[in-house]
Amino acid sequence: MQFKDPADNIKELYLKEGEIVVDLGAGSGWYTREASRRVGNSGKVYALDVQKELVETLKNRIRDEGLGNVECVWANIELRGGTKLADKLVDASIVANVLFQIEDKVGFAREIARIMKPGGRVMIVDWTGDGAGAGPKGDHLVNESSARRLFEETGFSYDKSFDPGTHHYGIIMKRI
């Protein structure tokens, strides 16, 4: 199974030097590291994950790669204030292969809305459930229209859809 390079997907966010980005559910940090390079030393990337082991592993990887503009944070991204970030701090958010894992999807979207600056962008990449055997099944799947509706109901407007690669959909939403 071939997946698209995160560097290609992250272009859809049009990140600029000096911006503040959060990678929600950063995991191994593929998107975190690419965002770090794009926002440069004057920017900042917060890599958040609920799994302590992943946060520690990512901290070591970030240190080894010399990415001084990344802060790895153990956080519960579903709770109000769970990201540990200030209100209206973030220019862009990355939500990649995370929605299907979230239990409180409305709480998650509200937390993103809280930390986003007006006009800030959210990139959502998740599984299509196209029946090819990849990704989540049944109730865990969040299709593109459901993801779009979730964010529209929590203070975002639809910007565009894009092709993030095999078995996935991609959308950009903007904070109203």
N, C-alpha and C. Protein backbone atom coordinates (compact mmCIF):
# COMPACT_ATOMS: atom_id res chain seq x y z
N MET A 1 0.85 -1.19 0.00
CA MET A 1 0.00 0.00 0.00
C MET A 1 0.89 1.24 0.00
N GLN A 2 0.65 2.14 -0.90
CA GLN A 2 1.45 3.35 -1.05
C GLN A 2 0.66 4.56 -0.55
N PHE A 3 1.27 5.32 0.35
CA PHE A 3 0.64 6.54 0.85
C PHE A 3 1.38 7.75 0.29
N LYS A 4 0.68 8.84 0.17
CA LYS A 4 1.26 10.07 -0.33
C LYS A 4 2.20 10.67 0.71
N ASP A 5 3.24 11.28 0.26
CA ASP A 5 4.22 11.92 1.13
C ASP A 5 3.55 13.07 1.90
N PRO A 6 3.71 13.10 3.24
CA PRO A 6 3.12 14.19 4.03
C PRO A 6 3.54 15.59 3.54
N ALA A 7 4.72 15.69 2.95
CA ALA A 7 5.18 16.99 2.43
C ALA A 7 4.26 17.48 1.33
N ASP A 8 3.72 16.57 0.53
CA ASP A 8 2.78 16.96 -0.52
C ASP A 8 1.45 17.42 0.08
N ASN A 9 0.98 16.71 1.09
CA ASN A 9 -0.29 17.07 1.72
C ASN A 9 -0.19 18.40 2.46
N ILE A 10 0.90 18.61 3.15
CA ILE A 10 1.02 19.81 3.98
C ILE A 10 1.10 21.09 3.14
N LYS A 11 1.45 20.95 1.87
CA LYS A 11 1.44 22.12 0.97
C LYS A 11 0.06 22.76 0.92
N GLU A 12 -0.97 21.94 1.14
CA GLU A 12 -2.35 22.43 1.08
C GLU A 12 -2.67 23.45 2.18
N LEU A 13 -1.84 23.50 3.22
CA LEU A 13 -2.04 24.46 4.31
C LEU A 13 -1.39 25.82 4.03
N TYR A 14 -0.55 25.88 3.01
CA TYR A 14 0.15 27.13 2.66
C TYR A 14 0.83 27.74 3.88
N LEU A 15 1.61 26.93 4.59
CA LEU A 15 2.31 27.42 5.78
C LEU A 15 3.34 28.46 5.39
N LYS A 16 3.47 29.46 6.26
CA LYS A 16 4.42 30.55 6.02
C LYS A 16 5.42 30.63 7.17
N GLU A 17 6.56 31.18 6.86
CA GLU A 17 7.60 31.43 7.86
C GLU A 17 6.99 32.19 9.03
N GLY A 18 7.28 31.72 10.25
CA GLY A 18 6.84 32.42 11.45
C GLY A 18 5.48 31.99 12.00
N GLU A 19 4.77 31.12 11.29
CA GLU A 19 3.46 30.71 11.77
C GLU A 19 3.57 29.70 12.92
N ILE A 20 2.45 29.60 13.66
CA ILE A 20 2.35 28.63 14.75
C ILE A 20 1.40 27.53 14.29
N VAL A 21 1.89 26.28 14.41
CA VAL A 21 1.17 25.11 13.92
C VAL A 21 1.03 24.10 15.05
N VAL A 22 -0.08 23.38 15.08
CA VAL A 22 -0.25 22.28 16.01
C VAL A 22 -0.58 21.02 15.22
N ASP A 23 0.13 19.94 15.54
CA ASP A 23 -0.13 18.63 14.96
C ASP A 23 -0.84 17.82 16.04
N LEU A 24 -2.13 17.63 15.87
CA LEU A 24 -2.97 16.97 16.88
C LEU A 24 -2.99 15.47 16.64
N GLY A 25 -2.44 14.72 17.57
CA GLY A 25 -2.27 13.29 17.36
C GLY A 25 -1.05 13.06 16.49
N ALA A 26 0.06 13.66 16.88
CA ALA A 26 1.27 13.71 16.05
C ALA A 26 1.88 12.35 15.76
N GLY A 27 1.69 11.39 16.65
CA GLY A 27 2.23 10.05 16.41
C GLY A 27 3.73 10.07 16.18
N SER A 28 4.16 9.54 15.05
CA SER A 28 5.59 9.45 14.73
C SER A 28 6.17 10.78 14.24
N GLY A 29 5.31 11.76 13.98
CA GLY A 29 5.80 13.10 13.68
C GLY A 29 6.10 13.42 12.22
N TRP A 30 5.56 12.64 11.28
CA TRP A 30 5.83 12.93 9.87
C TRP A 30 5.38 14.34 9.50
N TYR A 31 4.17 14.71 9.90
CA TYR A 31 3.65 16.04 9.59
C TYR A 31 4.33 17.10 10.44
N THR A 32 4.62 16.79 11.69
CA THR A 32 5.31 17.72 12.59
C THR A 32 6.62 18.18 11.98
N ARG A 33 7.41 17.24 11.53
CA ARG A 33 8.74 17.56 11.01
C ARG A 33 8.66 18.39 9.73
N GLU A 34 7.71 18.07 8.87
CA GLU A 34 7.55 18.86 7.65
C GLU A 34 7.06 20.27 7.97
N ALA A 35 6.12 20.39 8.89
CA ALA A 35 5.63 21.72 9.30
C ALA A 35 6.77 22.54 9.90
N SER A 36 7.62 21.91 10.68
CA SER A 36 8.76 22.59 11.30
C SER A 36 9.66 23.22 10.24
N ARG A 37 9.93 22.49 9.19
CA ARG A 37 10.79 23.02 8.12
C ARG A 37 10.11 24.20 7.41
N ARG A 38 8.81 24.13 7.25
CA ARG A 38 8.09 25.17 6.50
C ARG A 38 7.92 26.47 7.29
N VAL A 39 7.74 26.41 8.60
CA VAL A 39 7.55 27.64 9.38
C VAL A 39 8.88 28.24 9.83
N GLY A 40 9.95 27.49 9.71
CA GLY A 40 11.29 28.00 10.00
C GLY A 40 11.53 28.31 11.47
N ASN A 41 12.69 28.86 11.73
CA ASN A 41 13.10 29.14 13.10
C ASN A 41 12.26 30.19 13.79
N SER A 42 11.61 31.06 13.02
CA SER A 42 10.75 32.08 13.63
C SER A 42 9.35 31.55 13.91
N GLY A 43 9.06 30.33 13.44
CA GLY A 43 7.76 29.70 13.68
C GLY A 43 7.85 28.71 14.82
N LYS A 44 6.73 28.07 15.10
CA LYS A 44 6.66 27.11 16.19
C LYS A 44 5.69 26.00 15.81
N VAL A 45 6.04 24.77 16.17
CA VAL A 45 5.15 23.63 15.95
C VAL A 45 4.98 22.90 17.28
N TYR A 46 3.73 22.69 17.64
CA TYR A 46 3.40 21.89 18.81
C TYR A 46 2.96 20.52 18.32
N ALA A 47 3.64 19.48 18.79
CA ALA A 47 3.30 18.10 18.43
C ALA A 47 2.63 17.47 19.64
N LEU A 48 1.33 17.23 19.54
CA LEU A 48 0.55 16.73 20.66
C LEU A 48 0.13 15.28 20.44
N ASP A 49 0.22 14.49 21.50
CA ASP A 49 -0.28 13.13 21.44
C ASP A 49 -0.66 12.69 22.85
N VAL A 50 -1.62 11.77 22.92
CA VAL A 50 -2.12 11.27 24.20
C VAL A 50 -1.26 10.10 24.70
N GLN A 51 -0.46 9.51 23.82
CA GLN A 51 0.37 8.38 24.20
C GLN A 51 1.76 8.87 24.61
N LYS A 52 2.07 8.74 25.90
CA LYS A 52 3.34 9.24 26.45
C LYS A 52 4.56 8.67 25.71
N GLU A 53 4.49 7.39 25.38
CA GLU A 53 5.64 6.74 24.71
C GLU A 53 5.92 7.40 23.36
N LEU A 54 4.85 7.71 22.63
CA LEU A 54 5.02 8.36 21.33
C LEU A 54 5.60 9.76 21.49
N VAL A 55 5.15 10.48 22.51
CA VAL A 55 5.67 11.83 22.76
C VAL A 55 7.17 11.75 23.06
N GLU A 56 7.57 10.81 23.90
CA GLU A 56 9.00 10.67 24.25
C GLU A 56 9.83 10.28 23.04
N THR A 57 9.33 9.34 22.24
CA THR A 57 10.04 8.93 21.03
C THR A 57 10.19 10.10 20.07
N LEU A 58 9.11 10.86 19.91
CA LEU A 58 9.15 12.00 19.00
C LEU A 58 10.10 13.09 19.53
N LYS A 59 10.10 13.32 20.83
CA LYS A 59 11.04 14.30 21.42
C LYS A 59 12.48 13.94 21.04
N ASN A 60 12.83 12.67 21.15
CA ASN A 60 14.18 12.23 20.81
C ASN A 60 14.47 12.42 19.33
N ARG A 61 13.51 12.08 18.48
CA ARG A 61 13.70 12.23 17.04
C ARG A 61 13.88 13.70 16.67
N ILE A 62 13.06 14.56 17.26
CA ILE A 62 13.13 16.01 16.99
C ILE A 62 14.49 16.55 17.43
N ARG A 63 14.94 16.14 18.60
CA ARG A 63 16.25 16.56 19.10
C ARG A 63 17.37 16.10 18.16
N ASP A 64 17.31 14.82 17.75
CA ASP A 64 18.34 14.26 16.88
C ASP A 64 18.38 14.96 15.52
N GLU A 65 17.22 15.44 15.05
CA GLU A 65 17.16 16.13 13.76
C GLU A 65 17.44 17.63 13.89
N GLY A 66 17.61 18.11 15.13
CA GLY A 66 17.95 19.51 15.34
C GLY A 66 16.82 20.49 15.04
N LEU A 67 15.58 20.04 15.22
CA LEU A 67 14.42 20.90 14.94
C LEU A 67 14.05 21.67 16.23
N GLY A 68 14.68 22.82 16.41
CA GLY A 68 14.52 23.59 17.65
C GLY A 68 13.21 24.33 17.78
N ASN A 69 12.38 24.32 16.76
CA ASN A 69 11.12 25.06 16.82
C ASN A 69 9.93 24.15 17.11
N VAL A 70 10.19 22.92 17.58
CA VAL A 70 9.12 21.96 17.88
C VAL A 70 9.07 21.71 19.38
N GLU A 71 7.85 21.73 19.91
CA GLU A 71 7.62 21.35 21.30
C GLU A 71 6.67 20.16 21.32
N CYS A 72 7.10 19.06 21.91
CA CYS A 72 6.28 17.86 22.01
C CYS A 72 5.54 17.88 23.35
N VAL A 73 4.22 17.66 23.29
CA VAL A 73 3.38 17.80 24.47
C VAL A 73 2.48 16.58 24.64
N TRP A 74 2.49 16.01 25.84
CA TRP A 74 1.54 14.96 26.18
C TRP A 74 0.24 15.65 26.51
N ALA A 75 -0.84 15.35 25.76
CA ALA A 75 -2.07 16.11 25.90
C ALA A 75 -3.28 15.24 25.56
N ASN A 76 -4.42 15.60 26.17
CA ASN A 76 -5.69 14.98 25.81
C ASN A 76 -6.43 15.96 24.92
N ILE A 77 -6.39 15.72 23.64
CA ILE A 77 -6.91 16.69 22.66
C ILE A 77 -8.42 16.72 22.56
N GLU A 78 -9.11 15.87 23.31
CA GLU A 78 -10.57 15.85 23.28
C GLU A 78 -11.20 16.77 24.32
N LEU A 79 -10.42 17.18 25.32
CA LEU A 79 -10.96 17.96 26.43
C LEU A 79 -10.73 19.46 26.24
N ARG A 80 -11.66 20.26 26.73
CA ARG A 80 -11.46 21.71 26.72
C ARG A 80 -10.22 22.02 27.55
N GLY A 81 -9.27 22.70 26.94
CA GLY A 81 -8.00 23.01 27.60
C GLY A 81 -7.01 21.85 27.59
N GLY A 82 -7.42 20.72 27.06
CA GLY A 82 -6.57 19.53 27.06
C GLY A 82 -5.32 19.64 26.20
N THR A 83 -5.34 20.56 25.24
CA THR A 83 -4.14 20.75 24.40
C THR A 83 -3.06 21.52 25.16
N LYS A 84 -3.45 22.20 26.24
CA LYS A 84 -2.56 23.02 27.06
C LYS A 84 -2.07 24.25 26.30
N LEU A 85 -2.76 24.63 25.23
CA LEU A 85 -2.39 25.80 24.44
C LEU A 85 -3.37 26.95 24.72
N ALA A 86 -2.89 28.16 24.52
CA ALA A 86 -3.69 29.36 24.77
C ALA A 86 -4.78 29.55 23.72
N ASP A 87 -5.82 30.27 24.08
CA ASP A 87 -6.88 30.64 23.14
C ASP A 87 -6.29 31.42 21.97
N LYS A 88 -6.79 31.16 20.78
CA LYS A 88 -6.45 31.91 19.56
C LYS A 88 -4.94 32.04 19.32
N LEU A 89 -4.21 30.97 19.58
CA LEU A 89 -2.76 30.96 19.43
C LEU A 89 -2.30 30.48 18.06
N VAL A 90 -3.05 29.56 17.46
CA VAL A 90 -2.58 28.74 16.35
C VAL A 90 -3.04 29.27 14.99
N ASP A 91 -2.10 29.28 14.03
CA ASP A 91 -2.41 29.66 12.64
C ASP A 91 -2.92 28.48 11.83
N ALA A 92 -2.40 27.29 12.11
CA ALA A 92 -2.77 26.11 11.32
C ALA A 92 -2.73 24.86 12.19
N SER A 93 -3.68 23.96 11.95
CA SER A 93 -3.76 22.69 12.67
C SER A 93 -3.72 21.53 11.68
N ILE A 94 -3.10 20.46 12.13
CA ILE A 94 -3.02 19.24 11.34
C ILE A 94 -3.77 18.14 12.09
N VAL A 95 -4.74 17.55 11.41
CA VAL A 95 -5.54 16.45 11.96
C VAL A 95 -5.43 15.31 10.95
N ALA A 96 -4.39 14.49 11.09
CA ALA A 96 -4.11 13.44 10.11
C ALA A 96 -4.28 12.06 10.72
N ASN A 97 -5.22 11.30 10.18
CA ASN A 97 -5.50 9.94 10.65
C ASN A 97 -5.78 9.89 12.15
N VAL A 98 -6.59 10.86 12.60
CA VAL A 98 -6.89 10.98 14.02
C VAL A 98 -8.40 10.89 14.29
N LEU A 99 -9.21 11.48 13.42
CA LEU A 99 -10.65 11.58 13.69
C LEU A 99 -11.29 10.23 14.02
N PHE A 100 -10.89 9.18 13.34
CA PHE A 100 -11.51 7.88 13.57
C PHE A 100 -11.20 7.33 14.96
N GLN A 101 -10.17 7.85 15.61
CA GLN A 101 -9.77 7.39 16.94
C GLN A 101 -10.42 8.19 18.07
N ILE A 102 -10.96 9.35 17.76
CA ILE A 102 -11.48 10.26 18.77
C ILE A 102 -12.86 9.80 19.24
N GLU A 103 -13.02 9.72 20.56
CA GLU A 103 -14.34 9.36 21.11
C GLU A 103 -15.27 10.57 21.13
N ASP A 104 -14.80 11.69 21.67
CA ASP A 104 -15.61 12.91 21.76
C ASP A 104 -15.23 13.85 20.62
N LYS A 105 -15.78 13.59 19.46
CA LYS A 105 -15.43 14.35 18.26
C LYS A 105 -15.84 15.82 18.37
N VAL A 106 -16.99 16.10 18.97
CA VAL A 106 -17.43 17.48 19.14
C VAL A 106 -16.49 18.21 20.11
N GLY A 107 -16.12 17.57 21.21
CA GLY A 107 -15.17 18.17 22.15
C GLY A 107 -13.83 18.45 21.48
N PHE A 108 -13.39 17.54 20.64
CA PHE A 108 -12.15 17.69 19.90
C PHE A 108 -12.22 18.91 18.97
N ALA A 109 -13.29 19.00 18.17
CA ALA A 109 -13.44 20.12 17.24
C ALA A 109 -13.56 21.45 18.00
N ARG A 110 -14.24 21.44 19.13
CA ARG A 110 -14.37 22.67 19.94
C ARG A 110 -13.02 23.10 20.50
N GLU A 111 -12.20 22.14 20.90
CA GLU A 111 -10.86 22.48 21.42
C GLU A 111 -10.01 23.08 20.30
N ILE A 112 -10.11 22.54 19.10
CA ILE A 112 -9.37 23.13 17.98
C ILE A 112 -9.87 24.55 17.72
N ALA A 113 -11.18 24.74 17.74
CA ALA A 113 -11.74 26.08 17.53
C ALA A 113 -11.23 27.05 18.58
N ARG A 114 -11.10 26.60 19.82
CA ARG A 114 -10.64 27.46 20.91
C ARG A 114 -9.20 27.96 20.67
N ILE A 115 -8.34 27.09 20.20
CA ILE A 115 -6.93 27.46 20.06
C ILE A 115 -6.60 28.15 18.74
N MET A 116 -7.53 28.13 17.78
CA MET A 116 -7.28 28.69 16.44
C MET A 116 -7.52 30.19 16.38
N LYS A 117 -6.64 30.87 15.67
CA LYS A 117 -6.87 32.28 15.35
C LYS A 117 -7.99 32.37 14.31
N PRO A 118 -8.76 33.46 14.31
CA PRO A 118 -9.73 33.65 13.23
C PRO A 118 -9.00 33.60 11.87
N GLY A 119 -9.56 32.86 10.94
CA GLY A 119 -8.93 32.69 9.63
C GLY A 119 -7.91 31.58 9.59
N GLY A 120 -7.61 30.97 10.74
CA GLY A 120 -6.67 29.86 10.80
C GLY A 120 -7.19 28.67 10.02
N ARG A 121 -6.27 27.83 9.55
CA ARG A 121 -6.61 26.70 8.69
C ARG A 121 -6.42 25.37 9.40
N VAL A 122 -7.32 24.44 9.14
CA VAL A 122 -7.21 23.07 9.64
C VAL A 122 -7.16 22.13 8.45
N MET A 123 -6.13 21.29 8.42
CA MET A 123 -6.02 20.25 7.40
C MET A 123 -6.48 18.94 8.03
N ILE A 124 -7.50 18.35 7.44
CA ILE A 124 -8.03 17.07 7.92
C ILE A 124 -7.75 16.01 6.86
N VAL A 125 -7.03 14.98 7.25
CA VAL A 125 -6.77 13.83 6.39
C VAL A 125 -7.21 12.61 7.17
N ASP A 126 -8.13 11.84 6.59
CA ASP A 126 -8.57 10.62 7.27
C ASP A 126 -8.99 9.58 6.24
N TRP A 127 -9.36 8.43 6.73
CA TRP A 127 -9.64 7.26 5.91
C TRP A 127 -10.98 7.37 5.19
N THR A 128 -11.02 6.88 3.95
CA THR A 128 -12.25 6.90 3.17
C THR A 128 -13.15 5.71 3.48
N GLY A 129 -12.58 4.61 3.94
CA GLY A 129 -13.40 3.41 4.15
C GLY A 129 -13.88 2.84 2.84
N ASP A 130 -13.01 2.87 1.83
CA ASP A 130 -13.39 2.45 0.48
C ASP A 130 -13.47 0.94 0.30
N GLY A 131 -13.32 0.21 1.40
CA GLY A 131 -13.46 -1.25 1.31
C GLY A 131 -12.22 -1.97 0.84
N ALA A 132 -11.12 -1.29 0.73
CA ALA A 132 -9.89 -1.93 0.25
C ALA A 132 -9.12 -2.62 1.37
N GLY A 133 -9.72 -2.71 2.56
CA GLY A 133 -9.06 -3.39 3.67
C GLY A 133 -8.16 -2.51 4.50
N ALA A 134 -8.02 -1.25 4.13
CA ALA A 134 -7.15 -0.34 4.87
C ALA A 134 -7.98 0.56 5.77
N GLY A 135 -7.45 0.85 6.96
CA GLY A 135 -8.08 1.82 7.84
C GLY A 135 -9.18 1.25 8.71
N PRO A 136 -9.87 2.14 9.43
CA PRO A 136 -10.90 1.73 10.39
C PRO A 136 -12.15 1.22 9.70
N LYS A 137 -12.94 0.51 10.47
CA LYS A 137 -14.19 -0.06 9.95
C LYS A 137 -15.38 0.45 10.75
N GLY A 138 -16.55 0.36 10.16
CA GLY A 138 -17.81 0.60 10.84
C GLY A 138 -17.94 1.95 11.53
N ASP A 139 -18.32 1.90 12.79
CA ASP A 139 -18.62 3.11 13.57
C ASP A 139 -17.42 4.04 13.75
N HIS A 140 -16.22 3.51 13.63
CA HIS A 140 -15.03 4.34 13.84
C HIS A 140 -14.73 5.25 12.65
N LEU A 141 -15.20 4.88 11.50
CA LEU A 141 -14.94 5.65 10.29
C LEU A 141 -15.68 7.00 10.33
N VAL A 142 -14.97 8.06 9.97
CA VAL A 142 -15.57 9.40 9.85
C VAL A 142 -15.38 9.82 8.41
N ASN A 143 -16.45 9.77 7.62
CA ASN A 143 -16.31 10.10 6.20
C ASN A 143 -16.15 11.61 6.01
N GLU A 144 -15.83 12.00 4.79
CA GLU A 144 -15.54 13.41 4.50
C GLU A 144 -16.71 14.33 4.83
N SER A 145 -17.91 13.95 4.46
CA SER A 145 -19.05 14.84 4.72
C SER A 145 -19.31 14.98 6.22
N SER A 146 -19.12 13.91 6.99
CA SER A 146 -19.29 13.98 8.44
C SER A 146 -18.21 14.86 9.08
N ALA A 147 -16.99 14.74 8.60
CA ALA A 147 -15.90 15.57 9.13
C ALA A 147 -16.17 17.04 8.82
N ARG A 148 -16.58 17.30 7.61
CA ARG A 148 -16.88 18.68 7.22
C ARG A 148 -18.01 19.26 8.08
N ARG A 149 -19.07 18.50 8.26
CA ARG A 149 -20.21 18.95 9.07
C ARG A 149 -19.78 19.19 10.53
N LEU A 150 -18.98 18.29 11.09
CA LEU A 150 -18.48 18.44 12.46
C LEU A 150 -17.78 19.78 12.65
N PHE A 151 -16.90 20.11 11.71
CA PHE A 151 -16.15 21.36 11.84
C PHE A 151 -17.00 22.58 11.53
N GLU A 152 -17.91 22.46 10.58
CA GLU A 152 -18.82 23.58 10.28
C GLU A 152 -19.70 23.90 11.49
N GLU A 153 -20.08 22.89 12.25
CA GLU A 153 -20.94 23.09 13.42
C GLU A 153 -20.17 23.61 14.63
N THR A 154 -18.86 23.69 14.53
CA THR A 154 -18.05 24.16 15.66
C THR A 154 -17.19 25.38 15.32
N GLY A 155 -17.63 26.15 14.32
CA GLY A 155 -16.99 27.43 14.07
C GLY A 155 -16.01 27.50 12.90
N PHE A 156 -16.15 26.61 11.95
CA PHE A 156 -15.27 26.60 10.79
C PHE A 156 -16.10 26.68 9.51
N SER A 157 -15.46 27.15 8.45
CA SER A 157 -16.09 27.12 7.13
C SER A 157 -15.23 26.27 6.20
N TYR A 158 -15.88 25.66 5.25
CA TYR A 158 -15.20 24.82 4.26
C TYR A 158 -14.38 25.69 3.33
N ASP A 159 -13.14 25.29 3.08
CA ASP A 159 -12.29 25.99 2.14
C ASP A 159 -12.14 25.17 0.86
N LYS A 160 -11.66 23.91 1.00
CA LYS A 160 -11.46 23.09 -0.20
C LYS A 160 -11.21 21.64 0.18
N SER A 161 -11.34 20.78 -0.81
CA SER A 161 -10.96 19.37 -0.71
C SER A 161 -9.70 19.18 -1.53
N PHE A 162 -8.93 18.16 -1.18
CA PHE A 162 -7.73 17.83 -1.95
C PHE A 162 -7.50 16.33 -1.89
N ASP A 163 -6.66 15.83 -2.76
CA ASP A 163 -6.36 14.40 -2.83
C ASP A 163 -5.11 14.11 -2.00
N PRO A 164 -5.29 13.49 -0.82
CA PRO A 164 -4.14 13.19 0.02
C PRO A 164 -3.52 11.82 -0.24
N GLY A 165 -4.02 11.11 -1.23
CA GLY A 165 -3.46 9.80 -1.55
C GLY A 165 -4.45 8.67 -1.34
N THR A 166 -4.00 7.47 -1.59
CA THR A 166 -4.81 6.26 -1.56
C THR A 166 -5.54 6.07 -0.23
N HIS A 167 -6.82 5.73 -0.32
CA HIS A 167 -7.67 5.38 0.82
C HIS A 167 -7.93 6.52 1.80
N HIS A 168 -7.68 7.75 1.40
CA HIS A 168 -7.88 8.90 2.28
C HIS A 168 -8.63 10.02 1.57
N TYR A 169 -9.21 10.91 2.35
CA TYR A 169 -9.76 12.16 1.85
C TYR A 169 -9.02 13.28 2.56
N GLY A 170 -9.04 14.46 1.97
CA GLY A 170 -8.41 15.62 2.58
C GLY A 170 -9.28 16.84 2.42
N ILE A 171 -9.44 17.60 3.50
CA ILE A 171 -10.19 18.87 3.43
C ILE A 171 -9.45 19.93 4.24
N ILE A 172 -9.64 21.16 3.81
CA ILE A 172 -9.14 22.32 4.54
C ILE A 172 -10.35 23.10 5.01
N MET A 173 -10.36 23.39 6.30
CA MET A 173 -11.42 24.20 6.91
C MET A 173 -10.77 25.46 7.48
N LYS A 174 -11.52 26.56 7.51
CA LYS A 174 -11.01 27.82 8.06
C LYS A 174 -11.83 28.24 9.27
N ARG A 175 -11.13 28.74 10.27
CA ARG A 175 -11.78 29.23 11.48
C ARG A 175 -12.50 30.53 11.17
N ILE A 176 -13.77 30.59 11.51
CA ILE A 176 -14.58 31.79 11.28
C ILE A 176 -14.24 32.83 12.33
